[in-house]
Amino acid sequence: MGDRYRKQMGILNLDNYVASNGVQKTGVYISFASETIYVRQAYNSTAANPVYTVNANYRIFWDQQSRESNLTFIDLKSVNACVSQTMLAENMYACLYAELKKIYPNYQDVYDDDFGPTGASGATGSTGATGDGPTGSTGDGPTGDGPTGAPENTVILP
């Protein structure tokens, strides 16, 4: 099954990661978990060409098993992306994951096996692969339960 039908859950950073406390680890798991996505109009936006800033915290876990076992994350950081008005109907997680992949260029995509019409097999994509990203806990892109059809955990700010 193609990545288009798979829900991205996070990425594995294949490079050495140094946590804020100095501990080093290769293969940390990076995910947005249940973080809220904030969308606000950018300061340089014009009426003719509106631009929006999308921002969310992401959590860094010791490994994927730590995340799945609901263990505490080892670091909390933030990432943002600029998107056009037409992109607001897109999956904001995909935009944010694209930015994460610039920060952590040596990565492996991790997907939810249970997503898609027939259920995906194989939990991980290939290094450097791109996916659609998760689409919110109760929404799927533009048909979600949040404001303006966004996923439930998306907040649109003025």
N, C-alpha and C. Protein backbone atom coordinates (compact mmCIF):
# COMPACT_ATOMS: atom_id res chain seq x y z
N MET A 1 0.85 -1.18 0.00
CA MET A 1 0.00 0.00 0.00
C MET A 1 0.89 1.23 0.00
N GLY A 2 0.54 2.24 -0.75
CA GLY A 2 1.33 3.45 -0.82
C GLY A 2 1.25 4.26 0.46
N ASP A 3 2.24 5.14 0.66
CA ASP A 3 2.28 5.98 1.84
C ASP A 3 1.08 6.92 1.92
N ARG A 4 0.44 7.19 0.80
CA ARG A 4 -0.69 8.11 0.78
C ARG A 4 -1.82 7.65 1.70
N TYR A 5 -1.97 6.35 1.89
CA TYR A 5 -3.05 5.82 2.70
C TYR A 5 -2.61 5.46 4.11
N ARG A 6 -1.40 5.83 4.47
CA ARG A 6 -0.89 5.48 5.78
C ARG A 6 -0.78 6.72 6.64
N LYS A 7 -1.13 6.62 7.89
CA LYS A 7 -1.10 7.73 8.82
C LYS A 7 0.28 7.81 9.46
N GLN A 8 0.98 8.93 9.23
CA GLN A 8 2.31 9.08 9.82
C GLN A 8 2.18 9.34 11.30
N MET A 9 2.94 8.58 12.07
CA MET A 9 2.90 8.69 13.52
C MET A 9 4.10 9.46 14.06
N GLY A 10 5.21 9.47 13.33
CA GLY A 10 6.41 10.15 13.78
C GLY A 10 7.58 9.81 12.87
N ILE A 11 8.77 10.20 13.33
CA ILE A 11 9.99 9.85 12.62
C ILE A 11 11.02 9.35 13.62
N LEU A 12 11.90 8.47 13.13
CA LEU A 12 13.06 8.06 13.91
C LEU A 12 14.24 8.88 13.41
N ASN A 13 14.95 9.54 14.33
CA ASN A 13 16.15 10.28 13.97
C ASN A 13 17.32 9.29 13.97
N LEU A 14 17.90 9.03 12.82
CA LEU A 14 18.96 8.05 12.70
C LEU A 14 20.34 8.62 13.05
N ASP A 15 20.41 9.92 13.28
CA ASP A 15 21.65 10.54 13.72
C ASP A 15 21.70 10.58 15.24
N ASN A 16 22.86 10.87 15.77
CA ASN A 16 23.02 11.01 17.21
C ASN A 16 22.28 12.25 17.69
N TYR A 17 21.46 12.10 18.70
CA TYR A 17 20.70 13.23 19.28
C TYR A 17 21.25 13.51 20.67
N VAL A 18 21.50 14.78 20.96
CA VAL A 18 21.96 15.18 22.28
C VAL A 18 20.81 15.90 22.97
N ALA A 19 20.27 15.29 24.02
CA ALA A 19 19.16 15.87 24.77
C ALA A 19 19.63 17.09 25.56
N SER A 20 18.69 17.88 26.03
CA SER A 20 19.02 19.09 26.78
C SER A 20 19.81 18.79 28.05
N ASN A 21 19.71 17.57 28.57
CA ASN A 21 20.46 17.19 29.77
C ASN A 21 21.81 16.57 29.43
N GLY A 22 22.18 16.54 28.14
CA GLY A 22 23.48 16.04 27.72
C GLY A 22 23.52 14.58 27.32
N VAL A 23 22.46 13.84 27.57
CA VAL A 23 22.42 12.42 27.20
C VAL A 23 22.35 12.30 25.68
N GLN A 24 23.12 11.36 25.12
CA GLN A 24 23.16 11.16 23.67
C GLN A 24 22.51 9.83 23.31
N LYS A 25 21.80 9.82 22.17
CA LYS A 25 21.10 8.61 21.75
C LYS A 25 20.88 8.66 20.25
N THR A 26 21.11 7.56 19.58
CA THR A 26 20.78 7.41 18.16
C THR A 26 19.46 6.65 18.08
N GLY A 27 18.57 7.09 17.20
CA GLY A 27 17.30 6.39 17.03
C GLY A 27 16.19 6.91 17.93
N VAL A 28 16.26 8.19 18.32
CA VAL A 28 15.16 8.74 19.12
C VAL A 28 13.92 8.84 18.24
N TYR A 29 12.77 8.78 18.88
CA TYR A 29 11.48 8.84 18.20
C TYR A 29 10.92 10.24 18.38
N ILE A 30 10.54 10.88 17.29
CA ILE A 30 10.05 12.26 17.31
C ILE A 30 8.61 12.26 16.82
N SER A 31 7.72 12.89 17.61
CA SER A 31 6.30 12.86 17.29
C SER A 31 5.61 14.12 17.80
N PHE A 32 4.52 14.48 17.15
CA PHE A 32 3.70 15.57 17.64
C PHE A 32 2.77 15.10 18.75
N ALA A 33 2.67 13.78 18.95
CA ALA A 33 1.83 13.20 20.00
C ALA A 33 0.45 13.85 19.94
N SER A 34 -0.01 14.43 21.01
CA SER A 34 -1.33 15.06 21.03
C SER A 34 -1.22 16.58 21.13
N GLU A 35 -0.13 17.12 20.62
CA GLU A 35 0.10 18.56 20.69
C GLU A 35 -0.89 19.32 19.80
N THR A 36 -1.25 20.51 20.25
CA THR A 36 -2.14 21.38 19.50
C THR A 36 -1.36 22.09 18.41
N ILE A 37 -1.98 22.25 17.26
CA ILE A 37 -1.41 23.01 16.16
C ILE A 37 -2.02 24.40 16.19
N TYR A 38 -1.17 25.41 16.13
CA TYR A 38 -1.62 26.80 16.12
C TYR A 38 -1.40 27.38 14.73
N VAL A 39 -2.43 28.06 14.20
CA VAL A 39 -2.35 28.69 12.89
C VAL A 39 -2.69 30.16 13.07
N ARG A 40 -1.80 31.03 12.61
CA ARG A 40 -2.08 32.47 12.70
C ARG A 40 -1.58 33.15 11.44
N GLN A 41 -2.20 34.28 11.13
CA GLN A 41 -1.78 35.01 9.94
C GLN A 41 -0.40 35.61 10.21
N ALA A 42 0.49 35.46 9.25
CA ALA A 42 1.87 35.94 9.40
C ALA A 42 1.91 37.46 9.36
N TYR A 43 2.92 38.02 10.02
CA TYR A 43 3.05 39.47 10.08
C TYR A 43 3.27 40.10 8.71
N ASN A 44 3.88 39.38 7.78
CA ASN A 44 4.16 39.91 6.45
C ASN A 44 3.07 39.57 5.44
N SER A 45 1.94 39.11 5.93
CA SER A 45 0.84 38.72 5.06
C SER A 45 0.10 39.94 4.52
N THR A 46 -0.37 39.84 3.29
CA THR A 46 -1.17 40.91 2.70
C THR A 46 -2.54 40.36 2.34
N ALA A 47 -3.50 41.23 2.16
CA ALA A 47 -4.85 40.80 1.79
C ALA A 47 -4.84 40.08 0.45
N ALA A 48 -3.98 40.52 -0.47
CA ALA A 48 -3.93 39.91 -1.79
C ALA A 48 -3.20 38.56 -1.76
N ASN A 49 -2.30 38.38 -0.80
CA ASN A 49 -1.49 37.17 -0.73
C ASN A 49 -1.33 36.74 0.73
N PRO A 50 -2.40 36.24 1.35
CA PRO A 50 -2.30 35.88 2.77
C PRO A 50 -1.35 34.70 3.01
N VAL A 51 -0.54 34.84 4.06
CA VAL A 51 0.40 33.81 4.46
C VAL A 51 0.13 33.51 5.93
N TYR A 52 0.25 32.24 6.29
CA TYR A 52 -0.04 31.82 7.66
C TYR A 52 1.15 31.08 8.25
N THR A 53 1.33 31.24 9.55
CA THR A 53 2.35 30.51 10.27
C THR A 53 1.67 29.38 11.03
N VAL A 54 2.17 28.17 10.85
CA VAL A 54 1.66 26.98 11.52
C VAL A 54 2.73 26.58 12.53
N ASN A 55 2.33 26.39 13.79
CA ASN A 55 3.28 26.11 14.85
C ASN A 55 2.76 25.00 15.74
N ALA A 56 3.67 24.14 16.20
CA ALA A 56 3.30 23.09 17.16
C ALA A 56 4.55 22.63 17.90
N ASN A 57 4.35 22.18 19.12
CA ASN A 57 5.42 21.52 19.86
C ASN A 57 5.55 20.09 19.36
N TYR A 58 6.75 19.55 19.46
CA TYR A 58 6.94 18.13 19.19
C TYR A 58 7.73 17.54 20.33
N ARG A 59 7.52 16.26 20.53
CA ARG A 59 8.15 15.56 21.65
C ARG A 59 9.19 14.58 21.12
N ILE A 60 10.29 14.49 21.85
CA ILE A 60 11.35 13.56 21.50
C ILE A 60 11.39 12.49 22.59
N PHE A 61 11.20 11.25 22.17
CA PHE A 61 11.17 10.11 23.08
C PHE A 61 12.45 9.29 22.91
N TRP A 62 12.81 8.55 23.94
CA TRP A 62 14.01 7.70 23.91
C TRP A 62 13.97 6.79 22.69
N ASP A 63 12.81 6.21 22.40
CA ASP A 63 12.61 5.37 21.22
C ASP A 63 11.11 5.23 20.99
N GLN A 64 10.74 4.54 19.93
CA GLN A 64 9.32 4.38 19.60
C GLN A 64 8.58 3.61 20.69
N GLN A 65 9.20 2.61 21.25
CA GLN A 65 8.57 1.82 22.31
C GLN A 65 8.24 2.69 23.52
N SER A 66 9.09 3.65 23.84
CA SER A 66 8.82 4.57 24.95
C SER A 66 7.55 5.37 24.69
N ARG A 67 7.38 5.82 23.46
CA ARG A 67 6.17 6.58 23.09
C ARG A 67 4.93 5.68 23.19
N GLU A 68 5.03 4.48 22.64
CA GLU A 68 3.89 3.57 22.64
C GLU A 68 3.54 3.09 24.05
N SER A 69 4.51 3.13 24.96
CA SER A 69 4.28 2.73 26.36
C SER A 69 3.89 3.92 27.22
N ASN A 70 3.67 5.08 26.58
CA ASN A 70 3.29 6.31 27.28
C ASN A 70 4.30 6.73 28.34
N LEU A 71 5.59 6.49 28.06
CA LEU A 71 6.64 6.96 28.96
C LEU A 71 6.90 8.44 28.69
N THR A 72 7.54 9.09 29.63
CA THR A 72 7.81 10.52 29.52
C THR A 72 8.79 10.79 28.39
N PHE A 73 8.57 11.88 27.68
CA PHE A 73 9.48 12.29 26.61
C PHE A 73 10.75 12.87 27.22
N ILE A 74 11.85 12.89 26.43
CA ILE A 74 13.12 13.39 26.95
C ILE A 74 13.37 14.85 26.57
N ASP A 75 12.68 15.35 25.58
CA ASP A 75 12.79 16.76 25.18
C ASP A 75 11.48 17.22 24.55
N LEU A 76 11.22 18.52 24.67
CA LEU A 76 10.06 19.15 24.06
C LEU A 76 10.57 20.35 23.28
N LYS A 77 10.28 20.39 21.99
CA LYS A 77 10.73 21.49 21.14
C LYS A 77 9.56 21.97 20.30
N SER A 78 9.80 23.02 19.54
CA SER A 78 8.76 23.62 18.72
C SER A 78 9.25 23.74 17.28
N VAL A 79 8.31 23.66 16.35
CA VAL A 79 8.62 23.82 14.93
C VAL A 79 7.50 24.64 14.30
N ASN A 80 7.84 25.39 13.25
CA ASN A 80 6.79 26.13 12.54
C ASN A 80 7.04 26.06 11.04
N ALA A 81 5.98 26.35 10.32
CA ALA A 81 6.03 26.37 8.86
C ALA A 81 5.16 27.52 8.37
N CYS A 82 5.50 28.08 7.24
CA CYS A 82 4.68 29.12 6.61
C CYS A 82 3.91 28.48 5.46
N VAL A 83 2.62 28.77 5.40
CA VAL A 83 1.78 28.19 4.36
C VAL A 83 0.90 29.27 3.75
N SER A 84 0.52 29.07 2.50
CA SER A 84 -0.39 29.99 1.84
C SER A 84 -1.83 29.67 2.24
N GLN A 85 -2.73 30.56 1.91
CA GLN A 85 -4.14 30.36 2.25
C GLN A 85 -4.69 29.09 1.60
N THR A 86 -4.26 28.80 0.38
CA THR A 86 -4.76 27.61 -0.30
C THR A 86 -4.28 26.33 0.39
N MET A 87 -3.15 26.40 1.08
CA MET A 87 -2.62 25.22 1.77
C MET A 87 -3.34 24.94 3.10
N LEU A 88 -4.15 25.89 3.58
CA LEU A 88 -4.84 25.69 4.86
C LEU A 88 -5.77 24.48 4.83
N ALA A 89 -6.26 24.12 3.67
CA ALA A 89 -7.14 22.96 3.55
C ALA A 89 -6.34 21.65 3.54
N GLU A 90 -5.01 21.77 3.47
CA GLU A 90 -4.14 20.59 3.46
C GLU A 90 -3.92 20.09 4.89
N ASN A 91 -3.21 19.02 4.99
CA ASN A 91 -2.87 18.42 6.27
C ASN A 91 -1.72 19.21 6.90
N MET A 92 -1.99 19.92 7.99
CA MET A 92 -0.97 20.74 8.63
C MET A 92 0.14 19.90 9.26
N TYR A 93 -0.20 18.68 9.69
CA TYR A 93 0.85 17.80 10.21
C TYR A 93 1.88 17.49 9.13
N ALA A 94 1.43 17.30 7.90
CA ALA A 94 2.36 17.02 6.80
C ALA A 94 3.31 18.19 6.61
N CYS A 95 2.80 19.41 6.70
CA CYS A 95 3.65 20.60 6.58
C CYS A 95 4.68 20.64 7.70
N LEU A 96 4.24 20.33 8.92
CA LEU A 96 5.15 20.37 10.07
C LEU A 96 6.17 19.23 10.02
N TYR A 97 5.73 18.04 9.59
CA TYR A 97 6.68 16.94 9.44
C TYR A 97 7.73 17.27 8.38
N ALA A 98 7.34 17.97 7.33
CA ALA A 98 8.30 18.37 6.30
C ALA A 98 9.37 19.28 6.91
N GLU A 99 8.98 20.16 7.82
CA GLU A 99 9.94 21.02 8.49
C GLU A 99 10.83 20.21 9.44
N LEU A 100 10.26 19.25 10.15
CA LEU A 100 11.06 18.39 11.03
C LEU A 100 12.12 17.64 10.23
N LYS A 101 11.76 17.22 9.04
CA LYS A 101 12.69 16.45 8.21
C LYS A 101 13.84 17.31 7.70
N LYS A 102 13.67 18.63 7.70
CA LYS A 102 14.78 19.54 7.39
C LYS A 102 15.72 19.64 8.60
N ILE A 103 15.15 19.61 9.80
CA ILE A 103 15.94 19.69 11.03
C ILE A 103 16.68 18.38 11.27
N TYR A 104 16.00 17.26 11.01
CA TYR A 104 16.57 15.92 11.21
C TYR A 104 16.59 15.20 9.86
N PRO A 105 17.57 15.54 8.99
CA PRO A 105 17.54 15.02 7.62
C PRO A 105 17.81 13.53 7.48
N ASN A 106 18.41 12.91 8.47
CA ASN A 106 18.66 11.47 8.41
C ASN A 106 17.60 10.78 9.28
N TYR A 107 16.46 10.50 8.67
CA TYR A 107 15.29 10.01 9.41
C TYR A 107 14.69 8.79 8.74
N GLN A 108 13.78 8.17 9.46
CA GLN A 108 12.96 7.09 8.92
C GLN A 108 11.53 7.37 9.33
N ASP A 109 10.61 7.40 8.37
CA ASP A 109 9.20 7.62 8.66
C ASP A 109 8.64 6.43 9.44
N VAL A 110 7.74 6.70 10.36
CA VAL A 110 7.05 5.67 11.13
C VAL A 110 5.56 5.88 10.92
N TYR A 111 4.87 4.81 10.55
CA TYR A 111 3.45 4.89 10.25
C TYR A 111 2.63 4.01 11.18
N ASP A 112 1.35 4.34 11.30
CA ASP A 112 0.39 3.54 12.04
C ASP A 112 -0.04 2.39 11.14
N ASP A 113 0.12 1.16 11.60
CA ASP A 113 -0.23 -0.01 10.79
C ASP A 113 -1.72 -0.16 10.54
N ASP A 114 -2.55 0.45 11.35
CA ASP A 114 -3.98 0.21 11.28
C ASP A 114 -4.74 1.22 10.43
N PHE A 115 -4.04 2.09 9.71
CA PHE A 115 -4.70 3.13 8.95
C PHE A 115 -4.82 2.71 7.50
N GLY A 116 -5.88 3.10 6.86
CA GLY A 116 -6.03 2.84 5.43
C GLY A 116 -7.16 1.88 5.16
N PRO A 117 -7.56 1.76 3.91
CA PRO A 117 -8.72 0.96 3.55
C PRO A 117 -8.59 -0.51 3.92
N THR A 118 -7.39 -1.07 3.85
CA THR A 118 -7.24 -2.48 4.16
C THR A 118 -6.25 -2.71 5.29
N GLY A 119 -5.75 -1.65 5.90
CA GLY A 119 -4.74 -1.78 6.95
C GLY A 119 -3.38 -1.93 6.30
N ALA A 120 -2.45 -1.10 6.71
CA ALA A 120 -1.12 -1.14 6.11
C ALA A 120 -0.29 -2.23 6.74
N SER A 121 0.63 -2.77 5.98
CA SER A 121 1.57 -3.73 6.55
C SER A 121 2.95 -3.11 6.52
N GLY A 122 3.72 -3.37 7.54
CA GLY A 122 5.05 -2.76 7.64
C GLY A 122 4.96 -1.40 8.29
N ALA A 123 5.58 -1.23 9.44
CA ALA A 123 5.39 -0.02 10.23
C ALA A 123 6.24 1.15 9.78
N THR A 124 7.27 0.93 8.99
CA THR A 124 8.15 2.04 8.67
C THR A 124 8.31 2.22 7.18
N GLY A 125 8.52 3.47 6.80
CA GLY A 125 8.83 3.78 5.41
C GLY A 125 10.33 3.75 5.22
N SER A 126 10.80 4.15 4.09
CA SER A 126 12.23 4.14 3.85
C SER A 126 12.83 5.49 4.25
N THR A 127 14.12 5.50 4.49
CA THR A 127 14.80 6.72 4.88
C THR A 127 14.59 7.78 3.81
N GLY A 128 14.19 8.97 4.25
CA GLY A 128 14.00 10.08 3.33
C GLY A 128 12.68 10.06 2.61
N ALA A 129 11.83 9.08 2.90
CA ALA A 129 10.53 9.02 2.23
C ALA A 129 9.63 10.12 2.74
N THR A 130 8.68 10.51 1.93
CA THR A 130 7.73 11.51 2.38
C THR A 130 6.37 10.88 2.50
N GLY A 131 5.63 11.33 3.49
CA GLY A 131 4.28 10.81 3.70
C GLY A 131 3.32 11.95 3.89
N ASP A 132 2.06 11.62 4.10
CA ASP A 132 1.04 12.64 4.26
C ASP A 132 0.94 13.15 5.69
N GLY A 133 1.53 12.47 6.65
CA GLY A 133 1.45 12.91 8.05
C GLY A 133 0.11 12.59 8.66
N PRO A 134 0.04 12.62 9.99
CA PRO A 134 -1.22 12.33 10.65
C PRO A 134 -2.22 13.44 10.39
N THR A 135 -3.48 13.14 10.54
CA THR A 135 -4.51 14.10 10.19
C THR A 135 -5.39 14.48 11.37
N GLY A 136 -4.95 14.28 12.56
CA GLY A 136 -5.73 14.68 13.72
C GLY A 136 -6.46 13.51 14.32
N SER A 137 -6.81 13.63 15.59
CA SER A 137 -7.37 12.48 16.29
C SER A 137 -8.80 12.17 15.86
N THR A 138 -9.57 13.18 15.49
CA THR A 138 -10.94 12.89 15.09
C THR A 138 -11.28 13.44 13.72
N GLY A 139 -10.33 14.05 13.06
CA GLY A 139 -10.62 14.64 11.76
C GLY A 139 -9.64 14.13 10.73
N ASP A 140 -9.98 14.31 9.49
CA ASP A 140 -9.11 13.90 8.41
C ASP A 140 -9.00 15.07 7.44
N GLY A 141 -8.05 15.97 7.73
CA GLY A 141 -7.85 17.11 6.86
C GLY A 141 -9.03 18.05 6.87
N PRO A 142 -9.51 18.47 5.71
CA PRO A 142 -10.52 19.51 5.64
C PRO A 142 -11.89 19.10 6.17
N THR A 143 -12.10 17.85 6.50
CA THR A 143 -13.41 17.45 7.01
C THR A 143 -13.37 17.18 8.51
N GLY A 144 -12.35 17.66 9.19
CA GLY A 144 -12.20 17.41 10.63
C GLY A 144 -13.23 18.14 11.47
N ASP A 145 -13.12 17.96 12.78
CA ASP A 145 -14.08 18.53 13.71
C ASP A 145 -13.64 19.87 14.29
N GLY A 146 -12.46 20.34 13.96
CA GLY A 146 -11.95 21.59 14.52
C GLY A 146 -12.45 22.79 13.74
N PRO A 147 -11.96 24.00 14.08
CA PRO A 147 -12.40 25.21 13.40
C PRO A 147 -12.09 25.15 11.91
N THR A 148 -13.00 25.63 11.11
CA THR A 148 -12.91 25.67 9.65
C THR A 148 -12.59 24.32 9.04
N GLY A 149 -13.06 23.24 9.67
CA GLY A 149 -12.84 21.92 9.12
C GLY A 149 -11.47 21.36 9.42
N ALA A 150 -10.67 22.04 10.22
CA ALA A 150 -9.33 21.56 10.56
C ALA A 150 -9.44 20.43 11.58
N PRO A 151 -8.39 19.64 11.74
CA PRO A 151 -8.43 18.59 12.77
C PRO A 151 -8.75 19.18 14.14
N GLU A 152 -9.32 18.38 15.00
CA GLU A 152 -9.81 18.83 16.30
C GLU A 152 -8.77 19.59 17.11
N ASN A 153 -7.52 19.20 17.06
CA ASN A 153 -6.51 19.84 17.89
C ASN A 153 -5.79 20.97 17.16
N THR A 154 -6.49 21.64 16.24
CA THR A 154 -5.94 22.79 15.54
C THR A 154 -6.64 24.05 16.04
N VAL A 155 -5.85 25.07 16.36
CA VAL A 155 -6.39 26.33 16.83
C VAL A 155 -6.03 27.40 15.81
N ILE A 156 -7.02 28.09 15.27
CA ILE A 156 -6.79 29.17 14.32
C ILE A 156 -6.80 30.47 15.14
N LEU A 157 -5.68 31.20 15.10
CA LEU A 157 -5.56 32.45 15.85
C LEU A 157 -5.66 33.62 14.90
N PRO A 158 -6.18 34.77 15.38
CA PRO A 158 -6.27 35.95 14.51
C PRO A 158 -4.91 36.51 14.18
